[in-house]
Amino acid sequence: MSHRTVRSMVKGLSAGVSEVAIDREGGVRKYLPWALGGERDTNTNTDTDTETPYHSKKRKELSISVHAKQSKASGSDAVGPSLATSECTYVSRRLATTDTLEDRKYCTFRPQLESVIKQSLWLKFAPPLSKFFPRSSFMATPERILVTGGTGKQGRATILALLAFQQETTIIAVARSPNSASAQSLAALHNVEVIQGTLDYAAAIFRKAGPVTGVFCVLPVGRNEEQQGKNMIDCALKNGVKHFVYASVDRGGSRSSDTPTPILHFASKHSIEKYLETHTAGTDMTYTIIRPAALFENLSNDFSGKMFAAVWSTMPKHTKLQFIATEDLGHYAALALLNPAQYHNSTMSLAGDSLTFDEAQAIFQAQMGSSLPVTFQALGSFARWAVPDLGRMIKWFEEEGYAADIQALRRGYPELKDFAAWLKQSSGFVEG
C-alpha cells in the first residue's frame, strides 16, 4: 500500500484543525487533519452564559444621575466650571448595558467626566465613580479581532458567530492563500478583511493586521504547533491585545488543566495553555481557553468522513465519544471575544452530545433514512497502527475520554446541538 493511500485513508481522523504534516516515529511523514481533538472549559459557570448583552432581549438599563449642588456664584446646575462648558453637560444620563456604537461613544466620555467631577470641591472626599459604575458596565467590545485559520472549520465558525453578534466589529481573517475561493468568500462578508499569513511568522501577521484588541488562535497540528502558539502569545502581548482566545482540546473535563495526556498534539496544547497562563499574569491581556471535543463535521460523505467513522467503529461498543458542532464552538469563542470581562482568564470544555458508534448509527438512520457513511473497519484498525499518535489518541478515548459537562452547557445555551439537531440543521447530509 503506497504512502499516498495511507495519507488519504487517515485524512479527517483528529482534532478539528487543518491538514498538517506530522512525523511518524520511524521517519515516514504522514498527513493528518486532527479532527478528533478539541478542548473545553469546565471552570466557567455556564449557567450564566446566555445572560449577556448579545442574547438577552430584556436589556438591563443603568441610570446615572449626577446631582450637583447649585453654584452660589452662577446659580447653575453645572458640576464645576469645566463640565459647564463641555458638550456633555449631563445631569441625568440613561444607558443601556449593551455595547452599541452610541454606548461606546459615551464610554469615551466617562474618564473625562470622572476627572472633572473629582476636581469639584464638593466631591473632593467622595468615592470614585468606579465604585458605583464598574468598568465592565462601560467596556466596549473589541473593535478589531484577529482570527487565525480563517478558512478552517473553527476559524470560519468563529467569524460567522462574531458577525451575528456584533455587526460593527471588524474581523481580520488570516489565510495562507487569500486568493482561494474559501478566502474570497470570507472577504465578501461585511466587515471582514483577509490577510495572507502563516503561523511560523506571527510578527508578520500582526504587522499586516494592524492594531487589534482581540485574538482567536487556532493552530494546525504538527512539529511547530507549540512554538507557533507561544509566538502568537508573545506577539499579542507586544501589540497590546486585550483578550486572547485559544482553541485547545479537552483532556478530561475538569482534569484538563493538569492532564497533558500521552497524545503528542494534546500535550502540545497543554504546554501552550500553561505558557498563556504564566505569561499573561501581571499584564493587561486576559485569556479564555476553549476545549472542544471531537467535531461533528468530521462525519461526512467523503472518504475522510468515512475513514473517521471506521476508526471510531474500532472502539469498544460501550465507549462513548463526545462531539461538538463547529457552529456552537464558534458561538462560545465569539462570546469570549465580545465579553472579555465575563470570560476573564477562564476555560471552557465544550461538547453537545456523547455517543457510542452504534447510537450514532441509529440516530443517523432515524434522521436521514440511510446508514451512517463508513468505510471498512479494517482500514480504521490499520490507521490506528499506521499513525502512532492516532493510536494513542483512540486508546485514550477508550480509557479516559472527553468529559465536558454537557448538561451544564445546555442549561446556559439551550440551542447547543446534539447529533440529531446537527444532522438536521447543519450537517449538509441529504435526507434519504
Protein backbone atom coordinates (compact mmCIF):
# COMPACT_ATOMS: atom_id res chain seq x y z
CA MET A 1 0.00 0.00 0.00
CA SER A 2 1.50 3.35 -1.05
CA HIS A 3 2.21 6.26 1.25
CA ARG A 4 -0.32 8.32 -0.71
CA THR A 5 -3.03 5.77 0.03
CA VAL A 6 -2.22 5.84 3.75
CA ARG A 7 -2.32 9.62 3.77
CA SER A 8 -5.75 9.73 2.18
CA MET A 9 -7.05 6.97 4.47
CA VAL A 10 -6.27 8.78 7.68
CA LYS A 11 -7.41 12.21 6.50
CA GLY A 12 -10.07 13.58 8.84
CA LEU A 13 -9.24 11.49 11.88
CA SER A 14 -8.40 14.06 14.55
CA ALA A 15 -8.84 17.45 16.25
CA GLY A 16 -10.88 19.78 14.08
CA VAL A 17 -7.86 21.61 12.78
CA SER A 18 -6.45 21.86 9.27
CA GLU A 19 -4.37 19.30 7.37
CA VAL A 20 -0.81 19.32 8.60
CA ALA A 21 2.34 17.27 8.47
CA ILE A 22 3.43 15.14 11.41
CA ASP A 23 6.29 12.70 11.71
CA ARG A 24 5.63 9.08 12.37
CA GLU A 25 8.07 7.52 14.81
CA GLY A 26 10.43 5.85 12.44
CA GLY A 27 10.56 8.64 9.93
CA VAL A 28 7.66 8.39 7.44
CA ARG A 29 5.76 11.67 7.08
CA LYS A 30 2.00 11.35 7.38
CA TYR A 31 -0.64 13.99 6.71
CA LEU A 32 -3.48 14.18 9.15
CA PRO A 33 -6.11 16.81 9.93
CA TRP A 34 -6.58 16.12 13.63
CA ALA A 35 -10.33 16.23 13.68
CA LEU A 36 -10.90 14.29 16.87
CA GLY A 37 -9.18 16.70 19.23
CA GLY A 38 -10.62 19.81 20.81
CA GLU A 39 -10.80 21.45 24.19
CA ARG A 40 -13.41 22.55 26.64
CA ASP A 41 -13.87 24.83 29.54
CA THR A 42 -15.05 23.34 32.74
CA ASN A 43 -14.19 26.15 35.10
CA THR A 44 -16.80 28.52 33.73
CA ASN A 45 -20.23 28.77 35.26
CA THR A 46 -22.18 28.08 32.10
CA ASP A 47 -25.49 28.72 33.81
CA THR A 48 -24.95 32.40 33.08
CA ASP A 49 -23.64 32.05 29.55
CA THR A 50 -26.82 33.36 27.96
CA GLU A 51 -27.12 36.32 30.33
CA THR A 52 -25.09 38.55 28.05
CA PRO A 53 -25.87 41.78 26.22
CA TYR A 54 -25.92 39.81 22.98
CA HIS A 55 -28.56 37.26 23.89
CA SER A 56 -30.91 38.86 26.37
CA LYS A 57 -33.94 40.50 24.80
CA LYS A 58 -34.58 42.34 28.01
CA ARG A 59 -31.84 44.90 28.18
CA LYS A 60 -30.95 46.00 31.67
CA GLU A 61 -30.53 49.70 31.97
CA LEU A 62 -28.43 51.69 34.31
CA SER A 63 -29.48 55.17 35.36
CA ILE A 64 -26.64 57.51 36.09
CA SER A 65 -27.62 60.62 37.92
CA VAL A 66 -25.16 63.32 38.69
CA HIS A 67 -26.63 65.65 41.28
CA ALA A 68 -24.75 68.90 41.59
CA LYS A 69 -25.15 71.50 44.22
CA GLN A 70 -26.18 74.85 42.85
CA SER A 71 -23.28 77.17 42.35
CA LYS A 72 -23.64 80.21 44.55
CA ALA A 73 -21.69 82.24 42.02
CA SER A 74 -23.60 81.35 38.84
CA GLY A 75 -26.75 79.72 40.11
CA SER A 76 -26.32 76.97 37.50
CA ASP A 77 -26.65 73.20 37.81
CA ALA A 78 -23.21 72.56 36.36
CA VAL A 79 -20.76 70.40 38.27
CA GLY A 80 -17.81 72.72 38.21
CA PRO A 81 -16.76 75.18 35.52
CA SER A 82 -15.12 72.59 33.21
CA LEU A 83 -18.24 70.48 32.97
CA ALA A 84 -20.42 73.52 32.44
CA THR A 85 -18.52 74.47 29.29
CA SER A 86 -18.31 70.97 27.80
CA GLU A 87 -20.67 69.48 25.24
CA CYS A 88 -21.75 66.79 27.69
CA THR A 89 -23.43 68.70 30.49
CA TYR A 90 -25.45 65.71 31.62
CA VAL A 91 -27.45 65.99 34.82
CA SER A 92 -29.10 62.64 34.16
CA ARG A 93 -27.82 60.06 31.66
CA ARG A 94 -29.66 56.83 30.93
CA LEU A 95 -27.61 53.99 29.45
CA ALA A 96 -28.50 50.54 28.22
CA THR A 97 -25.98 47.91 29.25
CA THR A 98 -25.34 46.98 25.65
CA ASP A 99 -22.19 47.54 23.68
CA THR A 100 -23.68 49.63 20.89
CA LEU A 101 -21.78 52.27 18.97
CA GLU A 102 -23.52 55.05 20.87
CA ASP A 103 -22.64 53.44 24.20
CA ARG A 104 -19.02 53.26 23.19
CA LYS A 105 -19.06 56.95 22.31
CA TYR A 106 -20.38 57.68 25.77
CA CYS A 107 -17.80 55.40 27.32
CA THR A 108 -15.03 57.56 25.90
CA PHE A 109 -16.50 60.49 27.81
CA ARG A 110 -16.53 58.66 31.15
CA PRO A 111 -12.84 59.21 32.06
CA GLN A 112 -13.19 62.94 31.30
CA LEU A 113 -16.38 63.12 33.32
CA GLU A 114 -14.77 61.42 36.29
CA SER A 115 -11.74 63.69 36.12
CA VAL A 116 -13.88 66.83 36.08
CA ILE A 117 -16.05 65.67 38.94
CA LYS A 118 -13.04 64.80 41.05
CA GLN A 119 -11.82 68.37 40.58
CA SER A 120 -15.03 69.71 42.04
CA LEU A 121 -14.57 70.69 45.66
CA TRP A 122 -17.90 69.30 46.74
CA LEU A 123 -16.84 65.80 45.61
CA LYS A 124 -13.34 66.02 46.98
CA PHE A 125 -13.92 63.28 49.51
CA ALA A 126 -16.47 61.25 47.53
CA PRO A 127 -15.62 57.67 46.45
CA PRO A 128 -14.58 57.15 42.80
CA LEU A 129 -17.25 56.55 40.19
CA SER A 130 -15.85 53.08 39.57
CA LYS A 131 -17.25 52.07 42.94
CA PHE A 132 -20.76 52.59 41.58
CA PHE A 133 -20.18 52.04 37.87
CA PRO A 134 -17.82 49.10 37.27
CA ARG A 135 -15.61 49.30 34.23
CA SER A 136 -17.26 46.15 32.82
CA SER A 137 -20.55 48.06 32.56
CA PHE A 138 -18.96 50.52 30.16
CA MET A 139 -16.48 48.28 28.35
CA ALA A 140 -16.87 48.36 24.60
CA THR A 141 -16.50 45.12 22.71
CA PRO A 142 -13.29 44.62 20.75
CA GLU A 143 -13.43 46.67 17.56
CA ARG A 144 -10.79 44.67 15.66
CA ILE A 145 -10.43 40.93 16.13
CA LEU A 146 -7.73 38.77 14.55
CA VAL A 147 -8.77 35.21 13.65
CA THR A 148 -6.17 32.63 12.65
CA GLY A 149 -7.22 29.70 10.49
CA GLY A 150 -9.93 31.87 8.99
CA THR A 151 -10.70 29.43 6.19
CA GLY A 152 -10.74 26.40 8.52
CA LYS A 153 -13.71 24.95 10.36
CA GLN A 154 -13.15 26.63 13.72
CA GLY A 155 -11.94 29.96 12.37
CA ARG A 156 -14.83 30.33 9.94
CA ALA A 157 -17.38 29.36 12.60
CA THR A 158 -15.95 31.99 14.94
CA ILE A 159 -16.07 34.67 12.24
CA LEU A 160 -19.70 33.93 11.42
CA ALA A 161 -20.64 33.99 15.11
CA LEU A 162 -18.87 37.32 15.62
CA LEU A 163 -20.76 38.83 12.70
CA ALA A 164 -24.04 37.52 14.07
CA PHE A 165 -23.38 39.05 17.48
CA GLN A 166 -21.76 42.36 16.59
CA GLN A 167 -22.02 43.59 13.03
CA GLU A 168 -19.79 46.64 13.57
CA THR A 169 -16.82 44.55 14.72
CA THR A 170 -14.00 44.41 12.18
CA ILE A 171 -12.56 40.93 11.73
CA ILE A 172 -9.13 40.25 10.26
CA ALA A 173 -9.00 36.68 8.98
CA VAL A 174 -5.62 35.06 8.41
CA ALA A 175 -5.38 32.77 5.38
CA ARG A 176 -2.42 31.07 3.74
CA SER A 177 -3.93 31.73 0.29
CA PRO A 178 -6.04 34.91 0.26
CA ASN A 179 -6.96 34.30 -3.38
CA SER A 180 -8.53 30.91 -2.71
CA ALA A 181 -12.27 30.53 -3.12
CA SER A 182 -12.69 29.97 0.61
CA ALA A 183 -10.74 33.12 1.50
CA GLN A 184 -12.59 35.18 -1.10
CA SER A 185 -15.93 34.07 0.32
CA LEU A 186 -14.80 35.43 3.69
CA ALA A 187 -13.61 38.70 2.18
CA ALA A 188 -17.06 39.20 0.68
CA LEU A 189 -18.61 39.26 4.16
CA HIS A 190 -19.41 42.55 5.86
CA ASN A 191 -16.54 43.91 8.00
CA VAL A 192 -14.18 41.01 7.21
CA GLU A 193 -10.66 41.63 5.94
CA VAL A 194 -8.48 38.75 4.73
CA ILE A 195 -4.69 38.92 5.06
CA GLN A 196 -2.06 36.45 3.95
CA GLY A 197 -0.11 34.86 6.74
CA THR A 198 1.48 31.71 8.08
CA LEU A 199 1.76 30.95 11.76
CA ASP A 200 5.52 30.44 11.51
CA TYR A 201 5.73 34.23 11.14
CA ALA A 202 3.48 35.59 13.86
CA ALA A 203 5.12 39.03 13.91
CA ALA A 204 4.37 39.49 10.22
CA ILE A 205 0.72 38.60 10.82
CA PHE A 206 0.38 41.31 13.46
CA ARG A 207 2.14 43.88 11.26
CA LYS A 208 -0.30 43.21 8.43
CA ALA A 209 -3.31 43.15 10.73
CA GLY A 210 -2.59 46.48 12.38
CA PRO A 211 -4.00 47.27 15.84
CA VAL A 212 -6.22 44.51 17.21
CA THR A 213 -7.85 44.16 20.61
CA GLY A 214 -8.89 40.52 20.44
CA VAL A 215 -7.35 37.33 19.02
CA PHE A 216 -8.86 33.93 18.25
CA CYS A 217 -5.99 31.48 17.87
CA VAL A 218 -6.45 28.00 16.41
CA LEU A 219 -3.32 26.14 15.35
CA PRO A 220 -2.60 23.30 12.93
CA VAL A 221 -1.21 20.12 14.45
CA GLY A 222 2.43 19.49 13.65
CA ARG A 223 6.03 19.86 14.70
CA ASN A 224 5.78 23.63 15.02
CA GLU A 225 2.43 23.83 16.80
CA GLU A 226 3.81 24.58 20.25
CA GLN A 227 6.28 27.20 19.05
CA GLN A 228 3.65 28.82 16.84
CA GLY A 229 1.28 29.12 19.79
CA LYS A 230 3.90 30.66 22.04
CA ASN A 231 4.94 33.11 19.32
CA MET A 232 1.32 34.20 18.84
CA ILE A 233 1.01 34.82 22.59
CA ASP A 234 4.25 36.82 22.68
CA CYS A 235 3.22 38.96 19.71
CA ALA A 236 -0.24 39.54 21.16
CA LEU A 237 1.33 40.83 24.37
CA LYS A 238 3.74 43.09 22.49
CA ASN A 239 0.95 44.52 20.34
CA GLY A 240 -1.42 45.45 23.16
CA VAL A 241 -4.06 42.77 22.63
CA LYS A 242 -6.65 42.89 25.41
CA HIS A 243 -8.15 39.39 25.18
CA PHE A 244 -6.71 36.18 23.72
CA VAL A 245 -8.96 33.19 22.98
CA TYR A 246 -7.05 29.95 22.42
CA ALA A 247 -8.68 26.89 20.84
CA SER A 248 -7.17 23.89 22.60
CA VAL A 249 -8.60 20.40 23.24
CA ASP A 250 -10.43 18.76 26.10
CA ARG A 251 -8.39 16.33 28.14
CA GLY A 252 -10.90 15.04 30.64
CA GLY A 253 -13.11 17.97 31.61
CA SER A 254 -12.05 19.42 34.96
CA ARG A 255 -8.83 17.38 34.77
CA SER A 256 -7.70 19.11 31.59
CA SER A 257 -5.51 21.76 33.19
CA ASP A 258 -3.36 19.12 34.88
CA THR A 259 -3.52 16.41 32.20
CA PRO A 260 -1.15 16.67 29.22
CA THR A 261 -2.04 13.07 28.16
CA PRO A 262 0.38 10.81 26.21
CA ILE A 263 -1.07 12.14 22.92
CA LEU A 264 1.59 14.36 21.38
CA HIS A 265 -0.64 17.07 19.93
CA PHE A 266 -2.78 17.12 23.10
CA ALA A 267 0.39 17.60 25.16
CA SER A 268 1.49 20.45 22.88
CA LYS A 269 -1.80 22.23 23.52
CA HIS A 270 -1.41 21.70 27.27
CA SER A 271 2.02 23.34 27.08
CA ILE A 272 0.62 26.32 25.16
CA GLU A 273 -2.14 26.71 27.77
CA LYS A 274 0.43 26.87 30.57
CA TYR A 275 2.51 29.37 28.62
CA LEU A 276 -0.56 31.55 28.11
CA GLU A 277 -1.45 31.44 31.79
CA THR A 278 2.03 32.27 33.08
CA HIS A 279 2.96 34.94 30.52
CA THR A 280 -0.27 36.91 30.86
CA ALA A 281 -0.01 37.05 34.66
CA GLY A 282 0.53 40.64 35.73
CA THR A 283 -0.23 42.03 32.25
CA ASP A 284 -3.24 43.79 30.75
CA MET A 285 -4.03 40.84 28.47
CA THR A 286 -6.63 38.34 29.65
CA TYR A 287 -7.42 34.98 28.08
CA THR A 288 -10.05 32.33 27.52
CA ILE A 289 -9.17 28.72 26.68
CA ILE A 290 -11.86 26.76 24.86
CA ARG A 291 -11.51 22.98 24.83
CA PRO A 292 -13.78 21.34 22.27
CA ALA A 293 -14.37 17.63 21.96
CA ALA A 294 -14.47 15.91 18.55
CA LEU A 295 -16.23 17.81 15.80
CA PHE A 296 -19.47 16.53 14.28
CA GLU A 297 -18.13 17.85 10.97
CA ASN A 298 -15.60 15.00 10.89
CA LEU A 299 -18.52 12.81 9.84
CA SER A 300 -19.14 13.33 6.15
CA ASN A 301 -19.93 11.61 2.87
CA ASP A 302 -16.39 11.83 1.53
CA PHE A 303 -13.60 9.35 2.20
CA SER A 304 -12.22 11.39 5.09
CA GLY A 305 -15.57 11.24 6.90
CA LYS A 306 -15.99 7.55 6.18
CA MET A 307 -12.49 6.88 7.48
CA PHE A 308 -13.24 8.84 10.64
CA ALA A 309 -16.29 6.64 11.22
CA ALA A 310 -14.24 3.50 10.54
CA VAL A 311 -11.68 4.41 13.20
CA TRP A 312 -14.49 5.25 15.63
CA SER A 313 -16.05 1.84 14.96
CA THR A 314 -12.90 0.11 16.25
CA MET A 315 -13.60 1.37 19.77
CA PRO A 316 -15.47 -0.92 22.22
CA LYS A 317 -19.25 -0.82 21.76
CA HIS A 318 -19.86 0.69 25.21
CA THR A 319 -17.33 3.52 24.74
CA LYS A 320 -18.90 6.94 24.21
CA LEU A 321 -17.27 9.79 22.34
CA GLN A 322 -18.24 13.42 22.91
CA PHE A 323 -18.87 15.77 19.98
CA ILE A 324 -19.42 19.47 19.40
CA ALA A 325 -20.72 21.32 16.33
CA THR A 326 -18.27 23.88 14.98
CA GLU A 327 -21.15 26.36 14.87
CA ASP A 328 -21.50 26.01 18.64
CA LEU A 329 -17.74 26.20 19.14
CA GLY A 330 -17.77 29.48 17.22
CA HIS A 331 -20.63 30.71 19.40
CA TYR A 332 -18.61 30.26 22.59
CA ALA A 333 -15.44 31.69 21.05
CA ALA A 334 -17.34 34.80 19.95
CA LEU A 335 -18.92 35.18 23.38
CA ALA A 336 -15.48 35.17 24.98
CA LEU A 337 -14.09 37.69 22.49
CA LEU A 338 -17.02 40.08 22.89
CA ASN A 339 -17.31 39.70 26.68
CA PRO A 340 -13.73 39.62 27.98
CA ALA A 341 -14.74 40.66 31.49
CA GLN A 342 -17.18 37.75 31.81
CA TYR A 343 -14.70 35.22 30.40
CA HIS A 344 -11.66 36.69 32.12
CA ASN A 345 -8.89 34.06 32.49
CA SER A 346 -11.29 31.14 32.15
CA THR A 347 -11.52 27.77 30.41
CA MET A 348 -14.45 26.02 28.72
CA SER A 349 -14.78 22.34 27.88
CA LEU A 350 -17.27 22.06 25.01
CA ALA A 351 -19.48 19.20 23.81
CA GLY A 352 -23.08 18.86 22.67
CA ASP A 353 -23.55 15.08 22.69
CA SER A 354 -21.97 11.85 23.92
CA LEU A 355 -22.48 8.77 21.75
CA THR A 356 -21.36 5.23 21.12
CA PHE A 357 -20.83 4.31 17.50
CA ASP A 358 -23.98 2.17 17.47
CA GLU A 359 -26.03 5.04 18.94
CA ALA A 360 -24.75 7.36 16.25
CA GLN A 361 -25.69 4.85 13.56
CA ALA A 362 -29.22 4.52 14.93
CA ILE A 363 -29.73 8.30 15.13
CA PHE A 364 -28.38 8.79 11.62
CA GLN A 365 -30.72 6.13 10.25
CA ALA A 366 -33.71 7.71 12.01
CA GLN A 367 -32.90 11.25 10.90
CA MET A 368 -31.51 10.70 7.41
CA GLY A 369 -33.22 7.50 6.35
CA SER A 370 -29.92 5.87 5.41
CA SER A 371 -26.85 4.35 7.05
CA LEU A 372 -24.02 6.41 8.51
CA PRO A 373 -21.29 6.65 5.83
CA VAL A 374 -18.37 4.42 6.87
CA THR A 375 -15.62 2.50 5.13
CA PHE A 376 -14.17 -0.88 6.09
CA GLN A 377 -13.41 -1.29 9.80
CA ALA A 378 -10.15 -2.99 8.83
CA LEU A 379 -8.95 0.32 7.37
CA GLY A 380 -9.73 2.00 10.68
CA SER A 381 -7.66 -0.59 12.52
CA PHE A 382 -4.83 -0.12 10.04
CA ALA A 383 -4.88 3.66 10.55
CA ARG A 384 -4.54 3.19 14.31
CA TRP A 385 -1.40 1.15 13.67
CA ALA A 386 -0.01 3.32 10.85
CA VAL A 387 -0.16 6.60 12.78
CA PRO A 388 1.13 6.05 16.34
CA ASP A 389 -0.26 9.31 17.75
CA LEU A 390 -3.68 8.43 16.36
CA GLY A 391 -3.41 5.02 18.02
CA ARG A 392 -2.52 6.64 21.35
CA MET A 393 -5.45 9.02 21.00
CA ILE A 394 -8.01 6.27 20.34
CA LYS A 395 -6.64 4.27 23.27
CA TRP A 396 -7.01 7.35 25.48
CA PHE A 397 -10.61 7.75 24.31
CA GLU A 398 -11.24 4.16 25.35
CA GLU A 399 -9.63 4.53 28.79
CA GLU A 400 -10.22 8.19 29.72
CA GLY A 401 -12.02 10.28 27.14
CA TYR A 402 -13.55 13.71 26.84
CA ALA A 403 -15.57 14.88 29.84
CA ALA A 404 -17.36 18.16 29.16
CA ASP A 405 -20.40 18.88 31.33
CA ILE A 406 -22.98 18.80 28.53
CA GLN A 407 -25.98 19.31 30.81
CA ALA A 408 -24.49 22.46 32.33
CA LEU A 409 -23.59 23.79 28.89
CA ARG A 410 -27.13 23.20 27.62
CA ARG A 411 -28.65 24.94 30.64
CA GLY A 412 -26.65 28.02 29.73
CA TYR A 413 -27.20 27.67 25.99
CA PRO A 414 -30.34 25.66 25.13
CA GLU A 415 -29.56 25.88 21.40
CA LEU A 416 -26.50 23.66 21.87
CA LYS A 417 -26.80 20.97 19.20
CA ASP A 418 -26.92 17.24 19.83
CA PHE A 419 -26.23 14.79 16.99
CA ALA A 420 -29.82 14.73 15.73
CA ALA A 421 -30.08 18.53 15.68
CA TRP A 422 -26.75 18.87 13.92
CA LEU A 423 -27.78 16.36 11.24
CA LYS A 424 -30.99 18.26 10.51
CA GLN A 425 -29.69 21.82 10.80
CA SER A 426 -26.02 21.97 9.89
CA SER A 427 -24.58 18.71 8.58
CA GLY A 428 -25.12 19.01 4.86
CA PHE A 429 -26.22 15.38 4.63
CA VAL A 430 -29.05 14.83 2.17
CA GLU A 431 -32.02 13.04 3.66
CA GLY A 432 -32.90 9.71 2.14
